[in-house]
Protein backbone atom coordinates (compact mmCIF):
# COMPACT_ATOMS: atom_id res chain seq x y z
CA MET A 1 43.32 63.93 -36.61
CA GLU A 2 44.82 61.58 -39.35
CA MET A 3 42.81 61.97 -42.77
CA ASN A 4 43.54 59.77 -46.11
CA LEU A 5 43.24 61.10 -49.73
CA LYS A 6 39.66 59.55 -49.91
CA ASP A 7 38.72 61.96 -47.01
CA LEU A 8 40.35 64.56 -48.54
CA PHE A 9 38.07 64.49 -51.66
CA ASN A 10 34.75 64.33 -49.61
CA LEU A 11 35.40 67.51 -47.99
CA SER A 12 33.58 70.50 -48.77
CA GLY A 13 32.71 73.68 -46.72
CA SER A 14 29.33 72.45 -46.45
CA GLY A 15 30.04 68.98 -45.89
CA GLN A 16 29.18 67.79 -49.29
CA GLN A 17 30.98 66.10 -51.69
CA GLY A 18 31.44 69.06 -53.90
CA ASN A 19 29.93 69.36 -57.71
CA PRO A 20 29.52 66.14 -58.97
CA ASN A 21 29.68 67.14 -62.65
CA ASP A 22 33.00 68.77 -61.95
CA PRO A 23 35.51 66.36 -64.11
CA ALA A 24 38.57 67.57 -61.75
CA ILE A 25 36.73 66.65 -58.72
CA LEU A 26 35.71 63.34 -60.55
CA TYR A 27 39.31 62.71 -61.94
CA ASN A 28 40.79 63.78 -58.07
CA LYS A 29 38.31 60.88 -56.79
CA GLY A 30 39.45 58.53 -59.55
CA VAL A 31 42.95 58.92 -58.52
CA SER A 32 42.40 58.78 -54.91
CA HIS A 33 40.35 55.24 -55.60
CA LEU A 34 43.11 54.07 -57.89
CA THR A 35 46.03 54.76 -55.38
CA GLN A 36 44.01 52.81 -52.75
CA GLY A 37 43.56 49.88 -54.79
CA GLU A 38 39.75 50.44 -55.60
CA PHE A 39 39.97 49.67 -59.32
CA GLU A 40 36.57 49.42 -60.16
CA GLU A 41 35.64 52.72 -58.26
CA ALA A 42 38.53 54.16 -59.93
CA ALA A 43 37.54 53.48 -63.34
CA LYS A 44 34.09 54.56 -63.06
CA CYS A 45 35.33 58.10 -61.66
CA PHE A 46 37.70 58.32 -64.69
CA GLU A 47 34.74 57.45 -66.99
CA LYS A 48 32.38 60.15 -65.71
CA ALA A 49 35.48 62.77 -65.74
CA LEU A 50 35.72 61.68 -69.38
CA GLU A 51 32.13 62.16 -70.39
CA LEU A 52 32.48 65.70 -69.30
CA ASP A 53 36.04 66.37 -70.05
CA PRO A 54 37.10 63.94 -73.08
CA LYS A 55 40.42 65.32 -73.77
CA ASN A 56 42.07 64.90 -70.52
CA THR A 57 44.79 62.71 -71.27
CA LYS A 58 45.54 61.71 -67.71
CA ALA A 59 41.96 60.79 -67.07
CA TRP A 60 42.22 58.22 -70.15
CA ASN A 61 45.70 57.10 -69.18
CA ASN A 62 44.33 56.63 -65.49
CA ARG A 63 41.27 54.67 -66.61
CA GLY A 64 43.19 52.50 -68.79
CA THR A 65 45.62 51.76 -65.43
CA SER A 66 42.32 50.86 -63.36
CA LEU A 67 41.25 48.41 -66.04
CA LEU A 68 44.94 47.08 -66.53
CA TYR A 69 44.64 46.43 -62.47
CA MET A 70 41.62 44.33 -63.27
CA SER A 71 43.04 42.40 -66.00
CA LYS A 72 40.85 44.22 -69.02
CA PHE A 73 43.71 44.62 -71.14
CA ASP A 74 41.72 45.26 -74.53
CA ASP A 75 39.98 48.08 -72.85
CA ALA A 76 42.91 49.34 -70.88
CA ILE A 77 44.78 49.59 -74.37
CA LYS A 78 42.02 51.50 -75.86
CA CYS A 79 41.76 53.89 -73.11
CA ILE A 80 45.43 54.26 -73.17
CA ASP A 81 45.81 54.55 -76.88
CA ARG A 82 43.24 57.51 -76.45
CA ALA A 83 45.66 59.21 -74.21
CA ILE A 84 48.48 58.76 -76.41
CA ASN A 85 46.36 59.96 -79.55
CA LEU A 86 45.69 62.92 -77.45
CA ASP A 87 49.32 63.44 -76.49
CA PRO A 88 51.93 61.00 -78.27
CA LYS A 89 54.96 62.44 -76.62
CA HIS A 90 53.76 61.24 -73.11
CA ALA A 91 56.24 58.47 -72.21
CA ALA A 92 54.16 57.03 -69.24
CA PHE A 93 51.38 56.29 -71.67
CA TRP A 94 53.63 54.42 -73.71
CA TYR A 95 54.90 52.64 -70.77
CA ASN A 96 51.58 51.85 -69.76
CA LYS A 97 50.86 50.23 -72.95
CA GLY A 98 53.74 48.30 -73.10
CA ILE A 99 52.54 46.84 -69.65
CA CYS A 100 49.42 45.96 -71.11
CA GLN A 101 50.80 44.57 -74.18
CA ASP A 102 53.33 42.14 -72.14
CA ARG A 103 50.62 41.15 -69.60
CA MET A 104 48.64 39.96 -73.00
CA GLY A 105 51.94 38.10 -74.14
CA HIS A 106 52.48 40.67 -77.10
CA LEU A 107 56.10 40.88 -76.41
CA ASP A 108 57.20 42.22 -79.73
CA ARG A 109 54.31 45.05 -79.39
CA ALA A 110 55.56 45.67 -75.59
CA ILE A 111 59.02 46.09 -76.34
CA LYS A 112 58.15 48.90 -79.18
CA SER A 113 55.82 50.50 -76.72
CA PHE A 114 58.90 50.37 -73.80
CA GLU A 115 61.30 51.71 -76.61
CA LYS A 116 58.82 54.47 -77.59
CA ALA A 117 58.84 55.60 -73.73
CA ILE A 118 62.68 55.25 -73.61
CA GLU A 119 62.92 57.26 -76.81
CA LEU A 120 60.79 59.98 -75.02
CA ARG A 121 62.55 60.00 -71.66
CA PRO A 122 65.86 57.92 -72.26
CA ARG A 123 66.75 57.79 -68.33
CA TYR A 124 62.85 55.79 -67.45
CA PRO A 125 64.05 53.07 -65.37
CA GLU A 126 60.77 50.96 -64.92
CA ALA A 127 60.69 51.10 -69.13
CA TRP A 128 64.28 49.74 -69.31
CA PHE A 129 63.43 47.30 -66.72
CA ASN A 130 60.30 45.93 -68.49
CA LYS A 131 61.80 46.23 -71.90
CA ALA A 132 64.62 43.71 -70.39
CA ILE A 133 62.20 41.43 -68.86
CA ALA A 134 60.01 41.16 -72.31
CA LEU A 135 63.38 40.48 -74.36
CA GLU A 136 64.47 37.78 -71.84
CA THR A 137 61.07 36.20 -72.11
CA LYS A 138 61.18 36.36 -75.73
CA GLY A 139 64.74 34.71 -75.67
CA ASP A 140 66.73 37.60 -77.03
CA LYS A 141 69.58 36.88 -74.82
CA SER A 142 71.99 39.49 -76.10
CA ALA A 143 69.58 42.32 -76.32
CA ALA A 144 68.15 41.72 -72.77
CA ILE A 145 71.72 41.65 -71.27
CA ASP A 146 72.26 45.20 -73.20
CA ALA A 147 68.67 46.33 -71.76
CA TRP A 148 69.73 44.94 -67.95
CA LYS A 149 72.93 47.00 -68.25
CA SER A 150 71.36 50.06 -69.46
CA TYR A 151 68.76 49.69 -66.75
CA LEU A 152 71.61 49.19 -64.02
CA ASN A 153 73.20 52.45 -65.44
CA ILE A 154 70.25 54.26 -65.00
CA ALA A 155 69.16 52.89 -61.70
CA ALA A 156 72.41 53.21 -60.25
CA LYS A 157 72.03 56.29 -57.91
CA ASN A 158 68.02 56.05 -57.71
CA ARG A 159 66.93 54.84 -54.18
CA ASN A 160 63.71 54.30 -55.42
CA GLN A 161 64.97 51.59 -57.72
CA SER A 162 66.74 49.51 -54.95
CA GLU A 163 64.54 46.45 -54.69
CA TRP A 164 64.52 46.23 -58.73
CA LYS A 165 68.13 46.65 -58.78
CA ILE A 166 68.39 43.48 -56.64
CA MET A 167 66.24 41.46 -59.39
CA ALA A 168 68.32 42.86 -62.09
CA ILE A 169 71.63 41.76 -61.05
CA ASP A 170 70.26 38.64 -60.48
CA ARG A 171 68.68 38.16 -63.86
CA LEU A 172 71.71 39.72 -65.50
CA SER A 173 73.92 37.21 -63.53
CA LYS A 174 71.99 34.36 -64.52
CA LEU A 175 71.90 35.21 -68.36
CA LYS A 176 75.67 35.76 -68.20
CA GLY A 177 76.15 32.72 -66.57
CA GLU A 178 73.84 30.85 -69.23
CA GLY A 179 76.46 31.80 -72.08
CA LYS A 180 79.19 29.99 -70.08
């Protein structure tokens, strides 16, 4: 019998869905919804979990991520900022904030958030990749080239980055070709 994450979180010994007031259960249900692309349901679960456990940084970040996927950028940033205020040394929170800022067209802010993520986790390929895109979009060709090179250096041995590496090589080649 195959089971997905959603089925797993709905199981308990009595066939019920567990304690509906357990923030861990609500958080896990939110993660399940998030991984399945059910962003509204995910945001609701994280919101309920946060009512019971307002210091859960991952719930704040994941609620923000759910809102990001729903293009509710201002609300997403508010949630991610709550996570950052509680745990300012978590690189992924800064990365997600940068993604929101980038989607809103706030490139300078996005670049600063990606840089903070990189400062906290220097070998963070996604942060380097998105920093390079933001710099390129902003028109800072020299800095974009440097960021693409850094990304490719970090991603060189990372199999999970294979598709992104192809895009990065293409974009770097185009930027270098523009200078000729």
